[in-house]
Amino acid sequence: MREATEYTQLNPFTAIWTRPRETVRYVIEEKPTSFIVLLLVLTGFAGGLSGASSEEQFFSTVTVILGSLFLGPLAVLVGISIASGIYLLFGKLFGGVGTYTEMFRAVITSSIPQIWLLPMWLIWLLVSPATFYMESESAMVEPDTGIGMVIGFILLAASFIVAVWTFVIQCKAVGEAHRFSAWKGFFVIVIPSFLLSVVVIFFLVAILFTAF
């Protein structure tokens, strides 16, 4: 383990953008479990609001916020738990030496950029719920939705940039957990996704042929 003094100036929420491998190693070796729980809550909260924006409006704003706060982290916990196991197994094929705990910490740390979008999701929902939801009927009848459209456009652009950089960081994070290159981390992430896509396509084609 590295000396703690090496990390005294390292803030995971900002350093992850420019020093991802060092940040991931810091979280793996130094951060307590409470910090991992905090990341799960914030990432899940942001993910919950993001998911709600792509649906029709069924619940009140308060219900959506509370639902995202409590159910979002659970969904993220399940997703990262499964992904960490997959990355661990495939990483071993490339000579990786990481453990499940290290991989879990690495993957959740790579999600920190998504947390930066959380304030924007909240602002958009609170300021202009009429434009927040997909196919919202109120957005068609309420004239004062300009600011919501602007926030939505900015958030859409920011989400694309963050998604791309999050993927890059995740490749580096998986590589750091397994102590190999980011390129190997890339293949560890891409190969399972490709195989899953092939299985899904094969399954759909099989259903299509059996239906006729």
C-alpha atoms as a PDB file:
ATOM      1  CA  MET A   1       0.000   0.000   0.000  1.00  0.00           C
ATOM      2  CA  ARG A   2       1.229   3.499  -0.824  1.00  0.00           C
ATOM      3  CA  GLU A   3       1.866   6.006   1.894  1.00  0.00           C
ATOM      4  CA  ALA A   4      -1.232   8.059   2.700  1.00  0.00           C
ATOM      5  CA  THR A   5       0.792  11.275   2.380  1.00  0.00           C
ATOM      6  CA  GLU A   6       0.956  10.737  -1.382  1.00  0.00           C
ATOM      7  CA  TYR A   7      -2.772  11.372  -1.556  1.00  0.00           C
ATOM      8  CA  THR A   8      -3.149  14.335   0.766  1.00  0.00           C
ATOM      9  CA  GLN A   9      -3.878  16.713  -2.125  1.00  0.00           C
ATOM     10  CA  LEU A  10      -6.073  14.299  -4.092  1.00  0.00           C
ATOM     11  CA  ASN A  11      -9.810  14.964  -4.301  1.00  0.00           C
ATOM     12  CA  PRO A  12     -11.508  12.038  -6.093  1.00  0.00           C
ATOM     13  CA  PHE A  13     -14.366  14.230  -7.335  1.00  0.00           C
ATOM     14  CA  THR A  14     -12.004  16.464  -9.300  1.00  0.00           C
ATOM     15  CA  ALA A  15      -8.908  14.329  -9.817  1.00  0.00           C
ATOM     16  CA  ILE A  16     -10.882  11.593 -11.606  1.00  0.00           C
ATOM     17  CA  TRP A  17     -11.060  13.825 -14.694  1.00  0.00           C
ATOM     18  CA  THR A  18      -7.317  14.210 -15.171  1.00  0.00           C
ATOM     19  CA  ARG A  19      -5.691  11.545 -12.978  1.00  0.00           C
ATOM     20  CA  PRO A  20      -8.094   8.582 -13.225  1.00  0.00           C
ATOM     21  CA  ARG A  21      -5.685   5.730 -12.495  1.00  0.00           C
ATOM     22  CA  GLU A  22      -4.165   7.455  -9.488  1.00  0.00           C
ATOM     23  CA  THR A  23      -7.637   8.370  -8.226  1.00  0.00           C
ATOM     24  CA  VAL A  24      -8.882   4.806  -8.596  1.00  0.00           C
ATOM     25  CA  ARG A  25      -5.854   3.431  -6.757  1.00  0.00           C
ATOM     26  CA  TYR A  26      -6.396   6.001  -4.008  1.00  0.00           C
ATOM     27  CA  VAL A  27     -10.037   4.954  -3.542  1.00  0.00           C
ATOM     28  CA  ILE A  28      -9.092   1.264  -3.623  1.00  0.00           C
ATOM     29  CA  GLU A  29      -6.381   1.582  -1.006  1.00  0.00           C
ATOM     30  CA  GLU A  30      -7.355   4.501   1.197  1.00  0.00           C
ATOM     31  CA  LYS A  31     -11.057   5.368   1.136  1.00  0.00           C
ATOM     32  CA  PRO A  32     -13.415   3.837   3.750  1.00  0.00           C
ATOM     33  CA  THR A  33     -16.567   1.928   2.896  1.00  0.00           C
ATOM     34  CA  SER A  34     -18.662   4.984   3.779  1.00  0.00           C
ATOM     35  CA  PHE A  35     -17.145   6.803   0.796  1.00  0.00           C
ATOM     36  CA  ILE A  36     -18.156   3.956  -1.526  1.00  0.00           C
ATOM     37  CA  VAL A  37     -21.694   4.119  -0.139  1.00  0.00           C
ATOM     38  CA  LEU A  38     -21.715   7.876  -0.781  1.00  0.00           C
ATOM     39  CA  LEU A  39     -20.697   7.294  -4.397  1.00  0.00           C
ATOM     40  CA  LEU A  40     -23.430   4.679  -4.796  1.00  0.00           C
ATOM     41  CA  VAL A  41     -26.068   7.060  -3.433  1.00  0.00           C
ATOM     42  CA  LEU A  42     -25.007  10.031  -5.565  1.00  0.00           C
ATOM     43  CA  THR A  43     -24.514   7.993  -8.734  1.00  0.00           C
ATOM     44  CA  GLY A  44     -27.831   6.225  -8.230  1.00  0.00           C
ATOM     45  CA  PHE A  45     -29.607   9.519  -7.544  1.00  0.00           C
ATOM     46  CA  ALA A  46     -28.258  11.008 -10.771  1.00  0.00           C
ATOM     47  CA  GLY A  47     -29.081   7.845 -12.702  1.00  0.00           C
ATOM     48  CA  GLY A  48     -32.601   7.750 -11.295  1.00  0.00           C
ATOM     49  CA  LEU A  49     -33.326  11.316 -12.379  1.00  0.00           C
ATOM     50  CA  SER A  50     -31.813  10.639 -15.785  1.00  0.00           C
ATOM     51  CA  GLY A  51     -34.028   7.598 -16.215  1.00  0.00           C
ATOM     52  CA  ALA A  52     -37.129   9.505 -15.110  1.00  0.00           C
ATOM     53  CA  SER A  53     -36.522  12.168 -17.757  1.00  0.00           C
ATOM     54  CA  SER A  54     -36.816   9.565 -20.516  1.00  0.00           C
ATOM     55  CA  GLU A  55     -40.269   8.475 -19.334  1.00  0.00           C
ATOM     56  CA  GLU A  56     -43.699  10.044 -19.314  1.00  0.00           C
ATOM     57  CA  GLN A  57     -44.803  11.922 -16.216  1.00  0.00           C
ATOM     58  CA  PHE A  58     -46.630   9.563 -13.890  1.00  0.00           C
ATOM     59  CA  PHE A  59     -45.646  10.942 -10.470  1.00  0.00           C
ATOM     60  CA  SER A  60     -45.181  14.276  -8.741  1.00  0.00           C
ATOM     61  CA  THR A  61     -41.801  16.007  -8.614  1.00  0.00           C
ATOM     62  CA  VAL A  62     -41.302  15.123  -4.949  1.00  0.00           C
ATOM     63  CA  THR A  63     -42.107  11.463  -5.628  1.00  0.00           C
ATOM     64  CA  VAL A  64     -39.646  11.334  -8.520  1.00  0.00           C
ATOM     65  CA  ILE A  65     -36.894  12.877  -6.398  1.00  0.00           C
ATOM     66  CA  LEU A  66     -37.489  10.538  -3.461  1.00  0.00           C
ATOM     67  CA  GLY A  67     -37.850   7.526  -5.750  1.00  0.00           C
ATOM     68  CA  SER A  68     -34.592   8.354  -7.522  1.00  0.00           C
ATOM     69  CA  LEU A  69     -32.842   8.879  -4.194  1.00  0.00           C
ATOM     70  CA  PHE A  70     -33.892   5.520  -2.751  1.00  0.00           C
ATOM     71  CA  LEU A  71     -34.330   3.228  -5.768  1.00  0.00           C
ATOM     72  CA  GLY A  72     -31.530   4.647  -7.933  1.00  0.00           C
ATOM     73  CA  PRO A  73     -28.707   3.544  -5.619  1.00  0.00           C
ATOM     74  CA  LEU A  74     -30.177   0.039  -5.384  1.00  0.00           C
ATOM     75  CA  ALA A  75     -30.232  -0.247  -9.181  1.00  0.00           C
ATOM     76  CA  VAL A  76     -26.651   1.015  -9.405  1.00  0.00           C
ATOM     77  CA  LEU A  77     -25.570  -1.416  -6.686  1.00  0.00           C
ATOM     78  CA  VAL A  78     -26.995  -4.362  -8.623  1.00  0.00           C
ATOM     79  CA  GLY A  79     -25.582  -3.158 -11.932  1.00  0.00           C
ATOM     80  CA  ILE A  80     -22.073  -2.508 -10.637  1.00  0.00           C
ATOM     81  CA  SER A  81     -22.064  -5.764  -8.656  1.00  0.00           C
ATOM     82  CA  ILE A  82     -22.774  -7.723 -11.843  1.00  0.00           C
ATOM     83  CA  ALA A  83     -20.399  -5.683 -14.010  1.00  0.00           C
ATOM     84  CA  SER A  84     -17.589  -6.019 -11.476  1.00  0.00           C
ATOM     85  CA  GLY A  85     -17.919  -9.793 -11.503  1.00  0.00           C
ATOM     86  CA  ILE A  86     -17.848  -9.887 -15.298  1.00  0.00           C
ATOM     87  CA  TYR A  87     -14.843  -7.562 -15.541  1.00  0.00           C
ATOM     88  CA  LEU A  88     -13.050  -9.567 -12.879  1.00  0.00           C
ATOM     89  CA  LEU A  89     -13.496 -12.851 -14.751  1.00  0.00           C
ATOM     90  CA  PHE A  90     -12.625 -11.507 -18.188  1.00  0.00           C
ATOM     91  CA  GLY A  91      -9.705  -9.576 -16.738  1.00  0.00           C
ATOM     92  CA  LYS A  92      -8.210 -12.811 -15.445  1.00  0.00           C
ATOM     93  CA  LEU A  93      -8.042 -14.002 -19.064  1.00  0.00           C
ATOM     94  CA  PHE A  94      -5.762 -11.045 -19.793  1.00  0.00           C
ATOM     95  CA  GLY A  95      -3.545 -11.725 -16.797  1.00  0.00           C
ATOM     96  CA  GLY A  96      -5.312  -9.400 -14.363  1.00  0.00           C
ATOM     97  CA  VAL A  97      -4.632  -9.718 -10.652  1.00  0.00           C
ATOM     98  CA  GLY A  98      -7.462  -7.644  -9.193  1.00  0.00           C
ATOM     99  CA  THR A  99      -9.931  -8.816  -6.571  1.00  0.00           C
ATOM    100  CA  TYR A 100     -13.694  -8.392  -6.636  1.00  0.00           C
ATOM    101  CA  THR A 101     -13.581  -5.669  -3.981  1.00  0.00           C
ATOM    102  CA  GLU A 102     -10.933  -3.750  -5.911  1.00  0.00           C
ATOM    103  CA  MET A 103     -12.927  -4.045  -9.120  1.00  0.00           C
ATOM    104  CA  PHE A 104     -16.137  -2.879  -7.456  1.00  0.00           C
ATOM    105  CA  ARG A 105     -14.377   0.150  -6.009  1.00  0.00           C
ATOM    106  CA  ALA A 106     -12.754   0.889  -9.368  1.00  0.00           C
ATOM    107  CA  VAL A 107     -16.019   0.739 -11.298  1.00  0.00           C
ATOM    108  CA  ILE A 108     -17.971   2.936  -8.895  1.00  0.00           C
ATOM    109  CA  THR A 109     -15.100   5.436  -8.820  1.00  0.00           C
ATOM    110  CA  SER A 110     -15.186   5.654 -12.610  1.00  0.00           C
ATOM    111  CA  SER A 111     -18.822   6.774 -12.308  1.00  0.00           C
ATOM    112  CA  ILE A 112     -17.926   9.983 -10.459  1.00  0.00           C
ATOM    113  CA  PRO A 113     -18.275  12.148 -13.617  1.00  0.00           C
ATOM    114  CA  GLN A 114     -21.970  11.193 -13.715  1.00  0.00           C
ATOM    115  CA  ILE A 115     -22.392  12.772 -10.281  1.00  0.00           C
ATOM    116  CA  TRP A 116     -21.411  16.152 -11.708  1.00  0.00           C
ATOM    117  CA  LEU A 117     -24.634  16.101 -13.732  1.00  0.00           C
ATOM    118  CA  LEU A 118     -26.812  15.626 -10.630  1.00  0.00           C
ATOM    119  CA  PRO A 119     -27.310  19.370  -9.893  1.00  0.00           C
ATOM    120  CA  MET A 120     -28.359  19.965 -13.503  1.00  0.00           C
ATOM    121  CA  TRP A 121     -30.893  17.128 -13.407  1.00  0.00           C
ATOM    122  CA  LEU A 122     -32.375  18.554 -10.198  1.00  0.00           C
ATOM    123  CA  ILE A 123     -32.459  22.116 -11.519  1.00  0.00           C
ATOM    124  CA  TRP A 124     -34.160  21.009 -14.728  1.00  0.00           C
ATOM    125  CA  LEU A 125     -36.787  18.984 -12.861  1.00  0.00           C
ATOM    126  CA  LEU A 126     -37.528  21.762 -10.356  1.00  0.00           C
ATOM    127  CA  VAL A 127     -37.409  24.714 -12.755  1.00  0.00           C
ATOM    128  CA  SER A 128     -39.254  23.222 -15.713  1.00  0.00           C
ATOM    129  CA  PRO A 129     -40.950  19.867 -15.048  1.00  0.00           C
ATOM    130  CA  ALA A 130     -43.033  20.494 -18.183  1.00  0.00           C
ATOM    131  CA  THR A 131     -39.958  19.937 -20.384  1.00  0.00           C
ATOM    132  CA  PHE A 132     -38.222  17.397 -18.137  1.00  0.00           C
ATOM    133  CA  TYR A 133     -40.302  14.396 -19.129  1.00  0.00           C
ATOM    134  CA  MET A 134     -40.435  12.747 -22.510  1.00  0.00           C
ATOM    135  CA  GLU A 135     -43.610  13.500 -24.478  1.00  0.00           C
ATOM    136  CA  SER A 136     -44.945  15.673 -21.685  1.00  0.00           C
ATOM    137  CA  GLU A 137     -48.392  17.035 -22.593  1.00  0.00           C
ATOM    138  CA  SER A 138     -47.902  20.065 -20.350  1.00  0.00           C
ATOM    139  CA  ALA A 139     -44.887  21.104 -22.414  1.00  0.00           C
ATOM    140  CA  MET A 140     -47.229  21.583 -25.364  1.00  0.00           C
ATOM    141  CA  VAL A 141     -49.700  23.805 -23.525  1.00  0.00           C
ATOM    142  CA  GLU A 142     -47.426  25.812 -21.229  1.00  0.00           C
ATOM    143  CA  PRO A 143     -45.766  28.687 -23.072  1.00  0.00           C
ATOM    144  CA  ASP A 144     -43.064  29.435 -20.500  1.00  0.00           C
ATOM    145  CA  THR A 145     -40.830  26.466 -21.227  1.00  0.00           C
ATOM    146  CA  GLY A 146     -37.917  28.271 -22.868  1.00  0.00           C
ATOM    147  CA  ILE A 147     -35.568  27.998 -19.892  1.00  0.00           C
ATOM    148  CA  GLY A 148     -36.375  24.303 -19.572  1.00  0.00           C
ATOM    149  CA  MET A 149     -35.501  23.715 -23.215  1.00  0.00           C
ATOM    150  CA  VAL A 150     -32.203  25.549 -22.750  1.00  0.00           C
ATOM    151  CA  ILE A 151     -31.329  23.526 -19.647  1.00  0.00           C
ATOM    152  CA  GLY A 152     -32.308  20.328 -21.439  1.00  0.00           C
ATOM    153  CA  PHE A 153     -30.107  21.135 -24.433  1.00  0.00           C
ATOM    154  CA  ILE A 154     -27.120  21.995 -22.235  1.00  0.00           C
ATOM    155  CA  LEU A 155     -27.637  18.837 -20.192  1.00  0.00           C
ATOM    156  CA  LEU A 156     -27.908  16.723 -23.338  1.00  0.00           C
ATOM    157  CA  ALA A 157     -24.583  18.041 -24.610  1.00  0.00           C
ATOM    158  CA  ALA A 158     -22.960  17.660 -21.187  1.00  0.00           C
ATOM    159  CA  SER A 159     -24.310  14.110 -20.839  1.00  0.00           C
ATOM    160  CA  PHE A 160     -22.749  13.097 -24.156  1.00  0.00           C
ATOM    161  CA  ILE A 161     -19.347  14.493 -23.189  1.00  0.00           C
ATOM    162  CA  VAL A 162     -19.506  12.940 -19.720  1.00  0.00           C
ATOM    163  CA  ALA A 163     -20.600   9.571 -21.130  1.00  0.00           C
ATOM    164  CA  VAL A 164     -17.644   9.450 -23.522  1.00  0.00           C
ATOM    165  CA  TRP A 165     -15.125  10.449 -20.869  1.00  0.00           C
ATOM    166  CA  THR A 166     -16.687   8.087 -18.320  1.00  0.00           C
ATOM    167  CA  PHE A 167     -16.070   5.200 -20.723  1.00  0.00           C
ATOM    168  CA  VAL A 168     -12.426   6.251 -21.106  1.00  0.00           C
ATOM    169  CA  ILE A 169     -12.065   6.507 -17.334  1.00  0.00           C
ATOM    170  CA  GLN A 170     -13.718   3.136 -16.850  1.00  0.00           C
ATOM    171  CA  CYS A 171     -11.209   1.487 -19.196  1.00  0.00           C
ATOM    172  CA  LYS A 172      -8.413   2.989 -17.124  1.00  0.00           C
ATOM    173  CA  ALA A 173     -10.172   2.034 -13.872  1.00  0.00           C
ATOM    174  CA  VAL A 174     -10.542  -1.611 -14.888  1.00  0.00           C
ATOM    175  CA  GLY A 175      -6.921  -1.597 -15.991  1.00  0.00           C
ATOM    176  CA  GLU A 176      -5.815  -0.139 -12.668  1.00  0.00           C
ATOM    177  CA  ALA A 177      -7.815  -2.662 -10.644  1.00  0.00           C
ATOM    178  CA  HIS A 178      -6.225  -5.503 -12.617  1.00  0.00           C
ATOM    179  CA  ARG A 179      -2.847  -3.726 -12.805  1.00  0.00           C
ATOM    180  CA  PHE A 180      -2.616  -3.830 -16.576  1.00  0.00           C
ATOM    181  CA  SER A 181      -3.021  -1.340 -19.440  1.00  0.00           C
ATOM    182  CA  ALA A 182      -6.112   0.713 -20.229  1.00  0.00           C
ATOM    183  CA  TRP A 183      -6.244  -1.013 -23.622  1.00  0.00           C
ATOM    184  CA  LYS A 184      -6.736  -4.356 -21.899  1.00  0.00           C
ATOM    185  CA  GLY A 185      -9.359  -2.652 -19.753  1.00  0.00           C
ATOM    186  CA  PHE A 186     -11.061  -1.559 -22.965  1.00  0.00           C
ATOM    187  CA  PHE A 187     -11.295  -5.116 -24.264  1.00  0.00           C
ATOM    188  CA  VAL A 188     -12.439  -6.415 -20.874  1.00  0.00           C
ATOM    189  CA  ILE A 189     -15.392  -4.015 -21.100  1.00  0.00           C
ATOM    190  CA  VAL A 190     -16.145  -4.326 -24.817  1.00  0.00           C
ATOM    191  CA  ILE A 191     -15.911  -8.095 -25.279  1.00  0.00           C
ATOM    192  CA  PRO A 192     -18.664  -9.017 -22.758  1.00  0.00           C
ATOM    193  CA  SER A 193     -20.889  -6.280 -24.225  1.00  0.00           C
ATOM    194  CA  PHE A 194     -20.317  -7.660 -27.719  1.00  0.00           C
ATOM    195  CA  LEU A 195     -21.016 -11.227 -26.643  1.00  0.00           C
ATOM    196  CA  LEU A 196     -24.197 -10.149 -24.862  1.00  0.00           C
ATOM    197  CA  SER A 197     -25.347  -8.311 -28.000  1.00  0.00           C
ATOM    198  CA  VAL A 198     -24.726 -11.416 -30.100  1.00  0.00           C
ATOM    199  CA  VAL A 199     -26.742 -13.561 -27.683  1.00  0.00           C
ATOM    200  CA  VAL A 200     -29.628 -11.081 -27.658  1.00  0.00           C
ATOM    201  CA  ILE A 201     -29.678 -10.835 -31.468  1.00  0.00           C
ATOM    202  CA  PHE A 202     -29.546 -14.621 -31.791  1.00  0.00           C
ATOM    203  CA  PHE A 203     -32.392 -14.961 -29.291  1.00  0.00           C
ATOM    204  CA  LEU A 204     -34.541 -12.406 -31.137  1.00  0.00           C
ATOM    205  CA  VAL A 205     -33.854 -14.048 -34.500  1.00  0.00           C
ATOM    206  CA  ALA A 206     -34.777 -17.436 -33.025  1.00  0.00           C
ATOM    207  CA  ILE A 207     -38.062 -16.029 -31.723  1.00  0.00           C
ATOM    208  CA  LEU A 208     -38.760 -14.418 -35.097  1.00  0.00           C
ATOM    209  CA  PHE A 209     -38.237 -17.691 -36.994  1.00  0.00           C
ATOM    210  CA  THR A 210     -40.310 -19.748 -34.561  1.00  0.00           C
ATOM    211  CA  ALA A 211     -43.154 -17.245 -34.873  1.00  0.00           C
ATOM    212  CA  PHE A 212     -43.623 -18.013 -38.575  1.00  0.00           C
END
